[in-house]
N, C-alpha and C. Protein backbone atom coordinates (compact mmCIF):
# COMPACT_ATOMS: atom_id res chain seq x y z
N MET A 1 -3.14 -169.51 -100.99
CA MET A 1 -3.24 -169.64 -102.44
C MET A 1 -3.74 -170.79 -102.66
N ASN A 2 -4.65 -170.66 -103.19
CA ASN A 2 -5.51 -172.15 -103.80
C ASN A 2 -5.39 -172.41 -105.29
N LEU A 3 -4.57 -172.51 -105.72
CA LEU A 3 -3.86 -173.30 -106.74
C LEU A 3 -5.35 -174.26 -107.42
N THR A 4 -5.96 -174.40 -108.77
CA THR A 4 -6.98 -174.64 -109.26
C THR A 4 -5.96 -175.85 -110.56
N THR A 5 -5.09 -175.66 -110.55
CA THR A 5 -4.32 -176.60 -111.33
C THR A 5 -3.11 -177.66 -110.70
N PRO A 6 -3.50 -178.93 -110.59
CA PRO A 6 -3.20 -180.00 -109.90
C PRO A 6 -1.53 -180.06 -110.28
N LYS A 7 -1.02 -181.36 -109.75
CA LYS A 7 0.49 -181.44 -109.48
C LYS A 7 0.76 -181.38 -110.88
N LYS A 8 2.25 -180.96 -110.91
CA LYS A 8 3.23 -180.54 -112.17
C LYS A 8 3.38 -182.50 -113.09
N PRO A 9 3.34 -182.30 -113.88
CA PRO A 9 3.37 -183.94 -114.20
C PRO A 9 4.73 -184.30 -114.17
N ASP A 10 5.57 -185.58 -113.73
CA ASP A 10 6.79 -186.22 -113.12
C ASP A 10 7.14 -186.79 -114.55
N PHE A 11 7.90 -186.51 -115.23
CA PHE A 11 8.68 -186.89 -116.47
C PHE A 11 8.88 -188.48 -116.22
N ASN A 12 9.27 -189.43 -115.18
CA ASN A 12 9.23 -190.50 -115.46
C ASN A 12 7.74 -191.50 -115.33
N GLU A 13 6.70 -190.58 -114.34
CA GLU A 13 5.70 -190.99 -113.97
C GLU A 13 5.24 -190.83 -115.80
N PHE A 14 4.66 -189.80 -116.61
CA PHE A 14 4.51 -189.48 -117.55
C PHE A 14 5.25 -190.47 -118.59
N ARG A 15 6.22 -190.69 -118.61
CA ARG A 15 6.94 -191.71 -119.62
C ARG A 15 6.08 -193.10 -119.18
N LYS A 16 6.32 -193.46 -118.13
CA LYS A 16 5.31 -194.79 -117.84
C LYS A 16 4.33 -194.81 -118.65
N LEU A 17 3.11 -193.90 -117.73
CA LEU A 17 1.96 -193.65 -118.64
C LEU A 17 1.75 -194.15 -120.08
N PHE A 18 2.87 -193.23 -120.75
CA PHE A 18 2.67 -193.23 -121.99
C PHE A 18 3.28 -194.90 -122.61
N MET A 19 3.93 -195.36 -121.92
CA MET A 19 4.22 -196.69 -122.28
C MET A 19 2.86 -197.57 -122.41
N GLU A 20 2.73 -197.46 -121.25
CA GLU A 20 1.50 -198.24 -120.49
C GLU A 20 0.63 -198.26 -121.96
N GLN A 21 0.25 -197.15 -122.23
CA GLN A 21 -0.62 -196.49 -123.23
C GLN A 21 -0.35 -196.88 -124.20
N LEU A 22 0.82 -197.25 -124.58
CA LEU A 22 1.22 -197.66 -126.10
C LEU A 22 1.16 -199.24 -126.19
N SER A 23 1.73 -199.71 -124.87
CA SER A 23 1.54 -201.24 -125.02
C SER A 23 0.22 -202.11 -124.88
N LEU A 24 -0.92 -201.01 -124.55
CA LEU A 24 -2.27 -201.48 -124.62
C LEU A 24 -2.87 -200.94 -126.18
N ILE A 25 -2.49 -200.01 -126.77
CA ILE A 25 -3.69 -199.93 -127.89
C ILE A 25 -2.50 -200.12 -129.07
N SER A 26 -1.58 -200.74 -129.10
CA SER A 26 -0.70 -201.57 -129.41
C SER A 26 -0.91 -202.94 -129.83
N GLY A 27 -1.15 -203.26 -128.92
CA GLY A 27 -1.28 -204.75 -128.34
C GLY A 27 -0.37 -205.55 -128.56
N ASN A 28 1.19 -204.87 -127.97
CA ASN A 28 2.45 -205.42 -127.78
C ASN A 28 2.97 -204.60 -126.51
N ASN A 29 4.14 -205.86 -126.51
CA ASN A 29 4.47 -205.28 -124.94
C ASN A 29 5.70 -204.51 -125.38
N ILE A 30 5.56 -203.21 -125.66
CA ILE A 30 6.66 -202.20 -125.82
C ILE A 30 7.05 -201.43 -124.39
N ASP A 31 8.26 -201.66 -124.22
CA ASP A 31 8.66 -201.28 -123.06
C ASP A 31 10.13 -200.54 -123.23
N ASP A 32 10.52 -200.26 -124.72
CA ASP A 32 11.49 -200.10 -124.88
C ASP A 32 11.09 -198.40 -125.54
N PRO A 33 11.72 -197.14 -124.86
CA PRO A 33 11.59 -195.80 -124.96
C PRO A 33 12.20 -195.38 -126.26
N PHE A 34 13.50 -196.30 -126.53
CA PHE A 34 14.35 -195.80 -127.39
C PHE A 34 14.40 -196.58 -128.93
N LEU A 35 12.79 -197.13 -129.18
CA LEU A 35 12.31 -197.80 -129.85
C LEU A 35 12.23 -196.99 -130.93
N LYS A 36 12.17 -197.12 -132.32
CA LYS A 36 11.52 -196.05 -132.87
C LYS A 36 10.19 -195.64 -133.34
N TRP A 37 9.78 -194.49 -133.19
CA TRP A 37 8.22 -194.29 -133.14
C TRP A 37 7.36 -194.97 -134.18
N GLN A 38 8.02 -194.75 -135.54
CA GLN A 38 7.57 -195.40 -136.76
C GLN A 38 6.75 -197.28 -136.61
N GLU A 39 7.96 -197.44 -136.04
CA GLU A 39 7.92 -199.15 -135.83
C GLU A 39 6.94 -199.61 -134.89
N THR A 40 6.56 -198.80 -133.97
CA THR A 40 5.71 -199.00 -132.74
C THR A 40 3.76 -199.39 -133.83
N GLY A 41 3.51 -198.90 -134.86
CA GLY A 41 2.38 -199.39 -135.23
C GLY A 41 1.96 -198.66 -136.50
N LYS A 42 1.16 -198.38 -137.24
CA LYS A 42 0.53 -197.87 -138.35
C LYS A 42 0.38 -196.84 -138.26
N ARG A 43 -0.16 -195.97 -138.89
CA ARG A 43 -0.26 -194.38 -138.28
C ARG A 43 -1.63 -194.31 -137.62
N GLU A 44 -2.52 -194.89 -138.15
CA GLU A 44 -3.61 -195.02 -136.71
C GLU A 44 -4.06 -195.50 -136.09
N THR A 45 -3.13 -196.65 -135.45
CA THR A 45 -2.22 -196.83 -134.35
C THR A 45 -1.66 -195.98 -133.49
N ARG A 46 -0.70 -195.19 -133.92
CA ARG A 46 0.24 -193.94 -133.28
C ARG A 46 -1.18 -193.04 -133.35
N LEU A 47 -2.06 -192.56 -133.96
CA LEU A 47 -2.93 -191.61 -134.06
C LEU A 47 -3.71 -191.71 -132.74
N LYS A 48 -4.02 -192.81 -132.62
CA LYS A 48 -5.08 -193.18 -131.82
C LYS A 48 -4.24 -193.51 -130.26
N LEU A 49 -2.80 -193.52 -130.06
CA LEU A 49 -2.15 -193.58 -128.86
C LEU A 49 -2.30 -191.90 -128.23
N LEU A 50 -1.43 -191.28 -129.42
CA LEU A 50 -1.81 -189.81 -129.19
C LEU A 50 -3.30 -189.31 -128.36
N GLU A 51 -3.96 -189.66 -129.06
CA GLU A 51 -5.52 -188.93 -129.15
C GLU A 51 -6.00 -189.44 -127.46
N ASN A 52 -5.83 -190.97 -126.91
CA ASN A 52 -6.15 -191.29 -125.86
C ASN A 52 -4.93 -190.29 -124.84
N PHE A 53 -3.78 -190.52 -125.01
CA PHE A 53 -2.78 -190.27 -124.14
C PHE A 53 -3.08 -188.69 -123.61
N TYR A 54 -3.28 -187.92 -124.74
CA TYR A 54 -3.92 -186.36 -124.18
C TYR A 54 -5.15 -186.49 -123.59
N ALA A 55 -6.30 -186.86 -123.68
CA ALA A 55 -7.26 -187.82 -122.83
C ALA A 55 -6.78 -187.86 -121.52
N LYS A 56 -5.62 -188.66 -121.39
CA LYS A 56 -5.08 -188.66 -120.45
C LYS A 56 -4.97 -188.21 -119.55
N ILE A 57 -3.74 -187.18 -120.16
CA ILE A 57 -3.38 -185.93 -119.28
C ILE A 57 -4.17 -184.83 -118.80
N VAL A 58 -5.22 -184.85 -119.46
CA VAL A 58 -6.76 -183.99 -118.50
C VAL A 58 -7.03 -184.46 -117.64
N GLU A 59 -7.54 -185.86 -117.76
CA GLU A 59 -8.41 -186.47 -116.41
C GLU A 59 -7.55 -186.48 -115.59
N LEU A 60 -5.96 -186.57 -115.71
CA LEU A 60 -5.08 -186.44 -114.38
C LEU A 60 -4.73 -185.58 -114.32
N TYR A 61 -4.26 -184.40 -115.15
CA TYR A 61 -3.07 -183.34 -115.16
C TYR A 61 -4.38 -182.18 -114.87
N GLY A 62 -5.48 -182.29 -115.55
CA GLY A 62 -6.02 -181.23 -115.74
C GLY A 62 -5.78 -180.14 -116.61
N LEU A 63 -5.01 -181.02 -117.68
CA LEU A 63 -4.03 -180.01 -118.93
C LEU A 63 -4.50 -179.95 -120.27
N GLU A 64 -5.38 -179.05 -120.18
CA GLU A 64 -6.05 -178.81 -121.31
C GLU A 64 -4.63 -178.30 -122.72
N ILE A 65 -4.42 -179.77 -123.45
CA ILE A 65 -3.20 -178.82 -124.73
C ILE A 65 -3.75 -179.31 -126.14
N GLU A 66 -3.11 -178.28 -127.07
CA GLU A 66 -3.43 -179.21 -128.32
C GLU A 66 -2.71 -179.83 -128.60
N GLN A 67 -3.34 -180.64 -129.37
CA GLN A 67 -2.54 -181.64 -129.98
C GLN A 67 -1.63 -181.92 -130.99
N ASN A 68 -0.35 -181.83 -131.12
CA ASN A 68 0.87 -181.46 -132.22
C ASN A 68 0.50 -182.51 -132.79
N ALA A 69 0.08 -182.43 -133.71
CA ALA A 69 -0.77 -183.62 -135.51
C ALA A 69 0.86 -183.56 -135.46
N SER A 70 1.90 -183.22 -135.78
CA SER A 70 3.01 -183.90 -136.71
C SER A 70 3.64 -184.67 -135.55
N LEU A 71 3.41 -185.05 -134.63
CA LEU A 71 3.52 -186.18 -133.88
C LEU A 71 3.72 -187.54 -134.17
N VAL A 72 2.38 -187.68 -135.02
CA VAL A 72 2.23 -188.74 -135.71
C VAL A 72 3.05 -189.15 -136.59
N ASP A 73 3.58 -188.45 -137.22
CA ASP A 73 4.44 -188.82 -138.35
C ASP A 73 6.09 -188.72 -137.78
N LEU A 74 6.50 -188.08 -136.74
CA LEU A 74 7.57 -188.13 -136.19
C LEU A 74 8.42 -189.62 -137.07
N ASP A 75 9.91 -188.72 -137.04
CA ASP A 75 10.51 -189.52 -137.64
C ASP A 75 12.11 -189.47 -136.36
N GLY A 76 11.77 -190.46 -134.75
CA GLY A 76 12.32 -190.24 -134.41
C GLY A 76 11.80 -192.07 -133.32
N TYR A 77 12.24 -191.50 -131.86
CA TYR A 77 12.30 -192.53 -131.18
C TYR A 77 11.00 -192.14 -130.18
N ILE A 78 10.45 -193.14 -129.49
CA ILE A 78 9.08 -193.07 -128.84
C ILE A 78 9.72 -192.04 -127.44
N GLU A 79 10.68 -192.05 -126.96
CA GLU A 79 11.24 -191.16 -126.10
C GLU A 79 11.25 -189.52 -126.49
N SER A 80 11.47 -189.33 -127.82
CA SER A 80 11.45 -188.13 -128.51
C SER A 80 9.97 -187.28 -128.41
N VAL A 81 8.66 -188.06 -128.84
CA VAL A 81 7.43 -188.19 -128.66
C VAL A 81 6.95 -187.79 -127.00
N ILE A 82 7.50 -188.57 -126.39
CA ILE A 82 7.62 -188.40 -124.81
C ILE A 82 7.80 -186.86 -124.30
N VAL A 83 9.37 -186.95 -124.73
CA VAL A 83 9.99 -185.69 -123.95
C VAL A 83 8.62 -184.20 -124.76
N GLN A 84 8.79 -184.25 -126.03
CA GLN A 84 7.97 -182.86 -126.47
C GLN A 84 6.41 -182.82 -125.66
N ILE A 85 5.95 -184.14 -125.79
CA ILE A 85 4.52 -184.01 -125.14
C ILE A 85 4.71 -183.32 -123.68
N HIS A 86 6.11 -184.18 -122.89
CA HIS A 86 5.98 -183.54 -121.45
C HIS A 86 6.58 -181.66 -121.37
N HIS A 87 7.46 -181.49 -122.41
CA HIS A 87 7.58 -180.30 -122.39
C HIS A 87 6.48 -179.30 -122.63
N THR A 88 5.51 -179.75 -123.33
CA THR A 88 4.21 -178.87 -123.78
C THR A 88 3.33 -179.03 -122.59
N CYS A 89 3.47 -179.57 -121.82
CA CYS A 89 2.42 -179.98 -120.60
C CYS A 89 3.30 -179.38 -119.55
N SER A 90 4.43 -179.43 -119.17
CA SER A 90 5.28 -178.79 -118.64
C SER A 90 5.06 -177.07 -118.25
N THR A 91 5.37 -176.80 -120.30
CA THR A 91 5.17 -174.92 -119.67
C THR A 91 3.70 -175.03 -119.76
N MET A 92 2.75 -175.60 -120.14
CA MET A 92 1.06 -174.97 -119.70
C MET A 92 0.92 -175.33 -118.60
N TYR A 93 1.67 -176.76 -117.61
CA TYR A 93 1.19 -176.03 -116.20
C TYR A 93 1.86 -174.74 -115.52
N LEU A 94 2.84 -174.43 -115.77
CA LEU A 94 3.39 -173.03 -115.61
C LEU A 94 2.61 -172.08 -115.99
N VAL A 95 2.08 -171.85 -116.82
CA VAL A 95 1.38 -170.68 -117.15
C VAL A 95 -0.28 -170.79 -116.20
N GLU A 96 -0.17 -172.29 -116.54
CA GLU A 96 -1.87 -171.89 -115.39
C GLU A 96 -1.43 -171.74 -113.90
N ARG A 97 -0.22 -172.20 -113.55
CA ARG A 97 -0.14 -171.67 -112.16
C ARG A 97 0.17 -170.15 -112.37
N ILE A 98 0.43 -169.35 -113.25
CA ILE A 98 0.73 -168.02 -113.00
C ILE A 98 -0.82 -166.89 -113.37
N ASN A 99 -1.16 -167.75 -113.98
CA ASN A 99 -2.76 -167.37 -114.03
C ASN A 99 -3.69 -167.28 -112.89
N ASP A 100 -3.20 -168.97 -112.29
CA ASP A 100 -3.22 -168.89 -110.79
C ASP A 100 -3.61 -167.74 -110.11
N LYS A 101 -2.37 -167.54 -109.72
CA LYS A 101 -1.63 -166.40 -109.03
C LYS A 101 -2.24 -164.71 -109.53
N ILE A 102 -2.40 -164.77 -110.67
CA ILE A 102 -3.07 -163.45 -110.77
C ILE A 102 -4.21 -163.42 -111.16
N ARG A 103 -5.33 -164.46 -110.84
CA ARG A 103 -6.66 -164.60 -110.32
C ARG A 103 -6.67 -164.18 -109.13
N ALA A 104 -5.85 -165.12 -108.03
CA ALA A 104 -6.01 -165.13 -106.74
C ALA A 104 -5.76 -163.65 -106.13
N LYS A 105 -4.95 -163.02 -106.87
CA LYS A 105 -4.28 -161.11 -106.75
C LYS A 105 -5.76 -160.21 -107.20
N MET A 106 -6.14 -160.66 -108.35
CA MET A 106 -7.85 -160.04 -108.75
C MET A 106 -8.69 -159.90 -107.94
N ASN A 107 -8.96 -160.77 -106.91
CA ASN A 107 -10.16 -161.42 -105.67
C ASN A 107 -9.70 -161.06 -104.92
C-alpha cells in the first residue's frame, strides 16, 4: 500500500513546534504551555502565529486543515490551543489514510 499521507503528527513534536513558533513570532522566550493564551500577545500576534503554524502543518505533514478562527480569542491555556489543533490534525490524518486505502482499492 502506498499512502500519500506523511507520518501522523506526534503530540510532543507538535507542542514543541508550536512553542518554538510562538517564541519566534511573539519575540519572547515562552516555554510554559500552561501560560494563558491571551497573555502571549495581542490578537494580531496570536492570529499571525496561528496562520504560520497552519502553514507549517501543511509543510511538515501535508495536512491542509481549516483554520479554527475561534482559537485566536480562546480563553484558556496555550496547551488548550495546541490540543485542539493537534486533535484536528490527527482526525484529518486518519481521514486521509482511509481515503488512501479506498483509492488504492479502486485502482
